Amino acid sequence: MKIIYNKIIPFGRRYYAINLFGVLFAKGPCDAVMLNHERIHTAQMKEMGYLLFYIWYVVEWLVHLIRLGNSFEAYRAISFEREAYENERDGGYLRRRKRWGWLRRRR
């Protein structure tokens, strides 16, 4: 995964890194856990197709936002994020990850 360190992307103070089409934009150093989290997202993007991944991500976030009424809780409820957070500390996860693993985390 290519990492681009900069002070602009992602926008806003609350955000430290964002994965756009398999390229990680970060405001500073990234630890192994964060890199694994973002590599999981890259695997999700590749199996879905990048554009469909982002469409699904936004639609799922909106559904959870309506259901939960809280943007952070909606973000954490997204199936892609659930898979990434549940496995970010497991360095071997991507080697044994089953395709479409994020589907098992839908609420």
N, C-alpha and C. Protein backbone atom coordinates (compact mmCIF):
# COMPACT_ATOMS: atom_id res chain seq x y z
N MET A 1 0.85 -1.16 0.00
CA MET A 1 0.00 0.00 0.00
C MET A 1 0.90 1.23 0.00
N LYS A 2 0.59 2.15 -0.88
CA LYS A 2 1.33 3.41 -0.94
C LYS A 2 0.79 4.33 0.15
N ILE A 3 1.69 5.01 0.86
CA ILE A 3 1.31 5.95 1.91
C ILE A 3 1.82 7.33 1.53
N ILE A 4 0.94 8.31 1.57
CA ILE A 4 1.31 9.69 1.30
C ILE A 4 1.07 10.49 2.57
N TYR A 5 2.14 11.03 3.11
CA TYR A 5 2.05 11.85 4.32
C TYR A 5 1.86 13.30 3.91
N ASN A 6 0.85 13.94 4.50
CA ASN A 6 0.56 15.33 4.18
C ASN A 6 -0.27 15.94 5.29
N LYS A 7 -0.47 17.23 5.25
CA LYS A 7 -1.25 17.94 6.28
C LYS A 7 -2.66 18.28 5.81
N ILE A 8 -3.02 17.96 4.57
CA ILE A 8 -4.31 18.38 4.02
C ILE A 8 -5.34 17.26 4.01
N ILE A 9 -4.97 16.12 3.44
CA ILE A 9 -5.92 15.00 3.32
C ILE A 9 -5.57 13.98 4.39
N PRO A 10 -6.47 13.54 5.21
CA PRO A 10 -7.90 13.83 5.19
C PRO A 10 -8.21 15.21 5.78
N PHE A 11 -9.32 15.75 5.34
CA PHE A 11 -9.74 17.07 5.80
C PHE A 11 -10.24 17.01 7.24
N GLY A 12 -10.05 18.06 7.97
CA GLY A 12 -10.56 18.15 9.34
C GLY A 12 -9.56 17.67 10.37
N ARG A 13 -9.69 18.21 11.55
CA ARG A 13 -8.78 17.86 12.66
C ARG A 13 -9.04 16.48 13.23
N ARG A 14 -10.29 16.04 13.15
CA ARG A 14 -10.66 14.77 13.78
C ARG A 14 -10.13 13.55 13.03
N TYR A 15 -9.72 13.73 11.78
CA TYR A 15 -9.33 12.60 10.96
C TYR A 15 -7.82 12.56 10.77
N TYR A 16 -7.25 11.38 10.92
CA TYR A 16 -5.80 11.21 10.86
C TYR A 16 -5.37 10.57 9.54
N ALA A 17 -6.19 9.66 9.02
CA ALA A 17 -5.83 8.95 7.80
C ALA A 17 -7.08 8.56 7.04
N ILE A 18 -6.92 8.43 5.72
CA ILE A 18 -8.01 7.96 4.87
C ILE A 18 -7.43 7.12 3.75
N ASN A 19 -8.11 6.06 3.41
CA ASN A 19 -7.69 5.16 2.35
C ASN A 19 -8.54 5.48 1.11
N LEU A 20 -7.91 6.02 0.09
CA LEU A 20 -8.61 6.34 -1.15
C LEU A 20 -8.06 5.48 -2.27
N PHE A 21 -8.87 4.54 -2.72
CA PHE A 21 -8.51 3.66 -3.82
C PHE A 21 -7.20 2.92 -3.59
N GLY A 22 -6.98 2.50 -2.34
CA GLY A 22 -5.80 1.72 -2.00
C GLY A 22 -4.56 2.55 -1.69
N VAL A 23 -4.70 3.87 -1.68
CA VAL A 23 -3.60 4.76 -1.31
C VAL A 23 -3.96 5.39 0.03
N LEU A 24 -3.08 5.28 0.99
CA LEU A 24 -3.34 5.81 2.32
C LEU A 24 -2.77 7.22 2.44
N PHE A 25 -3.64 8.17 2.75
CA PHE A 25 -3.23 9.55 3.02
C PHE A 25 -3.25 9.71 4.54
N ALA A 26 -2.12 10.11 5.11
CA ALA A 26 -2.01 10.21 6.56
C ALA A 26 -1.33 11.51 6.94
N LYS A 27 -1.72 12.01 8.10
CA LYS A 27 -1.15 13.26 8.60
C LYS A 27 0.14 13.04 9.38
N GLY A 28 0.52 11.79 9.59
CA GLY A 28 1.72 11.48 10.33
C GLY A 28 1.99 9.98 10.30
N PRO A 29 2.89 9.51 11.16
CA PRO A 29 3.25 8.10 11.19
C PRO A 29 2.05 7.19 11.48
N CYS A 30 2.08 6.01 10.89
CA CYS A 30 1.02 5.02 11.08
C CYS A 30 1.61 3.78 11.73
N ASP A 31 0.97 3.30 12.78
CA ASP A 31 1.46 2.08 13.43
C ASP A 31 0.96 0.84 12.68
N ALA A 32 1.42 -0.31 13.10
CA ALA A 32 1.09 -1.57 12.44
C ALA A 32 -0.40 -1.86 12.47
N VAL A 33 -1.07 -1.50 13.56
CA VAL A 33 -2.51 -1.75 13.69
C VAL A 33 -3.27 -0.93 12.65
N MET A 34 -2.93 0.35 12.54
CA MET A 34 -3.60 1.21 11.57
C MET A 34 -3.35 0.73 10.14
N LEU A 35 -2.12 0.35 9.85
CA LEU A 35 -1.81 -0.14 8.51
C LEU A 35 -2.58 -1.42 8.19
N ASN A 36 -2.70 -2.32 9.15
CA ASN A 36 -3.46 -3.54 8.92
C ASN A 36 -4.93 -3.22 8.70
N HIS A 37 -5.48 -2.29 9.48
CA HIS A 37 -6.87 -1.85 9.33
C HIS A 37 -7.09 -1.36 7.89
N GLU A 38 -6.19 -0.52 7.41
CA GLU A 38 -6.33 0.03 6.07
C GLU A 38 -6.08 -1.02 4.99
N ARG A 39 -5.22 -1.97 5.23
CA ARG A 39 -5.02 -3.06 4.27
C ARG A 39 -6.27 -3.92 4.15
N ILE A 40 -6.99 -4.10 5.24
CA ILE A 40 -8.26 -4.82 5.20
C ILE A 40 -9.24 -4.07 4.31
N HIS A 41 -9.29 -2.75 4.45
CA HIS A 41 -10.16 -1.96 3.57
C HIS A 41 -9.74 -2.09 2.11
N THR A 42 -8.45 -2.11 1.85
CA THR A 42 -7.99 -2.26 0.46
C THR A 42 -8.44 -3.60 -0.11
N ALA A 43 -8.37 -4.66 0.69
CA ALA A 43 -8.85 -5.97 0.24
C ALA A 43 -10.35 -5.92 -0.06
N GLN A 44 -11.12 -5.23 0.79
CA GLN A 44 -12.55 -5.08 0.56
C GLN A 44 -12.82 -4.34 -0.75
N MET A 45 -12.06 -3.27 -0.98
CA MET A 45 -12.23 -2.47 -2.20
C MET A 45 -11.94 -3.30 -3.44
N LYS A 46 -10.87 -4.08 -3.39
CA LYS A 46 -10.48 -4.88 -4.56
C LYS A 46 -11.52 -5.93 -4.90
N GLU A 47 -12.11 -6.58 -3.88
CA GLU A 47 -13.07 -7.63 -4.19
C GLU A 47 -14.41 -7.06 -4.63
N MET A 48 -14.76 -5.86 -4.21
CA MET A 48 -16.04 -5.25 -4.60
C MET A 48 -15.94 -4.41 -5.86
N GLY A 49 -14.77 -3.89 -6.11
CA GLY A 49 -14.62 -2.84 -7.11
C GLY A 49 -14.64 -1.52 -6.35
N TYR A 50 -13.71 -0.66 -6.65
CA TYR A 50 -13.51 0.55 -5.85
C TYR A 50 -14.76 1.43 -5.79
N LEU A 51 -15.37 1.69 -6.91
CA LEU A 51 -16.53 2.59 -6.92
C LEU A 51 -17.70 2.01 -6.14
N LEU A 52 -18.00 0.73 -6.35
CA LEU A 52 -19.09 0.10 -5.62
C LEU A 52 -18.82 0.10 -4.11
N PHE A 53 -17.56 -0.10 -3.73
CA PHE A 53 -17.20 -0.06 -2.31
C PHE A 53 -17.62 1.28 -1.70
N TYR A 54 -17.25 2.38 -2.35
CA TYR A 54 -17.55 3.70 -1.79
C TYR A 54 -19.04 4.00 -1.79
N ILE A 55 -19.75 3.57 -2.82
CA ILE A 55 -21.20 3.77 -2.85
C ILE A 55 -21.84 3.00 -1.70
N TRP A 56 -21.48 1.73 -1.55
CA TRP A 56 -22.03 0.88 -0.49
C TRP A 56 -21.71 1.48 0.88
N TYR A 57 -20.48 1.94 1.04
CA TYR A 57 -20.01 2.50 2.31
C TYR A 57 -20.90 3.68 2.71
N VAL A 58 -21.12 4.61 1.80
CA VAL A 58 -21.92 5.81 2.10
C VAL A 58 -23.38 5.44 2.35
N VAL A 59 -23.94 4.57 1.54
CA VAL A 59 -25.34 4.17 1.73
C VAL A 59 -25.51 3.47 3.08
N GLU A 60 -24.59 2.57 3.41
CA GLU A 60 -24.70 1.87 4.69
C GLU A 60 -24.56 2.86 5.86
N TRP A 61 -23.64 3.82 5.73
CA TRP A 61 -23.49 4.83 6.78
C TRP A 61 -24.78 5.63 6.94
N LEU A 62 -25.41 6.02 5.84
CA LEU A 62 -26.67 6.79 5.92
C LEU A 62 -27.79 5.98 6.58
N VAL A 63 -27.89 4.71 6.24
CA VAL A 63 -28.91 3.85 6.86
C VAL A 63 -28.68 3.75 8.36
N HIS A 64 -27.43 3.54 8.77
CA HIS A 64 -27.13 3.45 10.19
C HIS A 64 -27.32 4.80 10.89
N LEU A 65 -27.02 5.88 10.21
CA LEU A 65 -27.22 7.21 10.79
C LEU A 65 -28.70 7.44 11.09
N ILE A 66 -29.56 7.09 10.16
CA ILE A 66 -31.01 7.23 10.38
C ILE A 66 -31.45 6.33 11.52
N ARG A 67 -30.94 5.10 11.53
CA ARG A 67 -31.33 4.11 12.55
C ARG A 67 -30.81 4.48 13.93
N LEU A 68 -29.55 4.95 14.01
CA LEU A 68 -28.91 5.19 15.31
C LEU A 68 -28.92 6.65 15.75
N GLY A 69 -29.01 7.57 14.79
CA GLY A 69 -29.05 8.98 15.13
C GLY A 69 -27.73 9.57 15.60
N ASN A 70 -26.62 8.89 15.34
CA ASN A 70 -25.30 9.36 15.78
C ASN A 70 -24.29 9.01 14.69
N SER A 71 -23.56 10.01 14.19
CA SER A 71 -22.67 9.77 13.05
C SER A 71 -21.51 8.84 13.40
N PHE A 72 -20.95 8.95 14.61
CA PHE A 72 -19.85 8.07 14.98
C PHE A 72 -20.33 6.63 15.14
N GLU A 73 -21.46 6.45 15.79
CA GLU A 73 -22.01 5.09 15.93
C GLU A 73 -22.37 4.52 14.57
N ALA A 74 -22.86 5.36 13.67
CA ALA A 74 -23.18 4.90 12.31
C ALA A 74 -21.92 4.44 11.60
N TYR A 75 -20.84 5.20 11.75
CA TYR A 75 -19.55 4.83 11.16
C TYR A 75 -19.07 3.49 11.70
N ARG A 76 -19.14 3.30 13.01
CA ARG A 76 -18.66 2.05 13.61
C ARG A 76 -19.54 0.86 13.25
N ALA A 77 -20.80 1.10 12.85
CA ALA A 77 -21.71 0.03 12.49
C ALA A 77 -21.56 -0.43 11.04
N ILE A 78 -20.84 0.31 10.22
CA ILE A 78 -20.64 -0.08 8.82
C ILE A 78 -19.92 -1.43 8.79
N SER A 79 -20.43 -2.34 7.99
CA SER A 79 -19.87 -3.69 7.96
C SER A 79 -18.39 -3.71 7.59
N PHE A 80 -17.95 -2.83 6.71
CA PHE A 80 -16.53 -2.77 6.36
C PHE A 80 -15.69 -2.38 7.57
N GLU A 81 -16.18 -1.42 8.33
CA GLU A 81 -15.45 -0.98 9.53
C GLU A 81 -15.46 -2.04 10.61
N ARG A 82 -16.58 -2.73 10.74
CA ARG A 82 -16.66 -3.79 11.75
C ARG A 82 -15.62 -4.87 11.48
N GLU A 83 -15.51 -5.29 10.22
CA GLU A 83 -14.50 -6.30 9.89
C GLU A 83 -13.09 -5.76 10.16
N ALA A 84 -12.83 -4.53 9.75
CA ALA A 84 -11.49 -3.96 9.92
C ALA A 84 -11.14 -3.79 11.39
N TYR A 85 -12.05 -3.25 12.20
CA TYR A 85 -11.76 -3.05 13.63
C TYR A 85 -11.63 -4.38 14.37
N GLU A 86 -12.46 -5.36 14.02
CA GLU A 86 -12.40 -6.66 14.70
C GLU A 86 -11.09 -7.39 14.43
N ASN A 87 -10.43 -7.09 13.32
CA ASN A 87 -9.25 -7.86 12.91
C ASN A 87 -7.98 -7.04 12.74
N GLU A 88 -8.01 -5.76 13.09
CA GLU A 88 -6.85 -4.89 12.85
C GLU A 88 -5.62 -5.29 13.65
N ARG A 89 -5.78 -5.95 14.76
CA ARG A 89 -4.65 -6.36 15.59
C ARG A 89 -4.12 -7.75 15.23
N ASP A 90 -4.76 -8.39 14.28
CA ASP A 90 -4.37 -9.73 13.84
C ASP A 90 -3.55 -9.61 12.56
N GLY A 91 -2.23 -9.65 12.71
CA GLY A 91 -1.34 -9.48 11.57
C GLY A 91 -1.48 -10.55 10.49
N GLY A 92 -2.02 -11.70 10.82
CA GLY A 92 -2.19 -12.77 9.84
C GLY A 92 -3.58 -12.85 9.24
N TYR A 93 -4.44 -11.92 9.61
CA TYR A 93 -5.84 -11.99 9.17
C TYR A 93 -5.98 -12.00 7.65
N LEU A 94 -5.27 -11.14 6.96
CA LEU A 94 -5.44 -11.05 5.51
C LEU A 94 -5.02 -12.32 4.78
N ARG A 95 -4.10 -13.07 5.34
CA ARG A 95 -3.67 -14.33 4.71
C ARG A 95 -4.76 -15.39 4.78
N ARG A 96 -5.59 -15.36 5.80
CA ARG A 96 -6.62 -16.38 5.93
C ARG A 96 -8.04 -15.83 5.77
N ARG A 97 -8.14 -14.57 5.46
CA ARG A 97 -9.45 -13.92 5.29
C ARG A 97 -10.21 -14.58 4.14
N LYS A 98 -11.47 -14.86 4.39
CA LYS A 98 -12.34 -15.38 3.35
C LYS A 98 -12.90 -14.21 2.55
N ARG A 99 -13.07 -14.42 1.25
CA ARG A 99 -13.65 -13.37 0.42
C ARG A 99 -15.01 -12.95 0.98
N TRP A 100 -15.30 -11.67 0.83
CA TRP A 100 -16.56 -11.09 1.27
C TRP A 100 -16.74 -11.20 2.79
N GLY A 101 -15.64 -11.17 3.51
CA GLY A 101 -15.68 -11.29 4.97
C GLY A 101 -16.51 -10.23 5.65
N TRP A 102 -16.61 -9.07 5.05
CA TRP A 102 -17.39 -7.98 5.62
C TRP A 102 -18.88 -8.29 5.64
N LEU A 103 -19.36 -9.18 4.77
CA LEU A 103 -20.79 -9.52 4.75
C LEU A 103 -21.21 -10.23 6.03
N ARG A 104 -20.30 -10.89 6.69
CA ARG A 104 -20.61 -11.60 7.93
C ARG A 104 -20.78 -10.62 9.10
N ARG A 105 -20.50 -9.36 8.88
CA ARG A 105 -20.58 -8.36 9.96
C ARG A 105 -21.75 -7.40 9.79
N ARG A 106 -22.70 -7.73 8.97
CA ARG A 106 -23.84 -6.83 8.76
C ARG A 106 -24.78 -6.89 9.93
N ARG A 107 -25.36 -5.74 10.24
CA ARG A 107 -26.35 -5.66 11.32
C ARG A 107 -27.72 -5.43 10.74
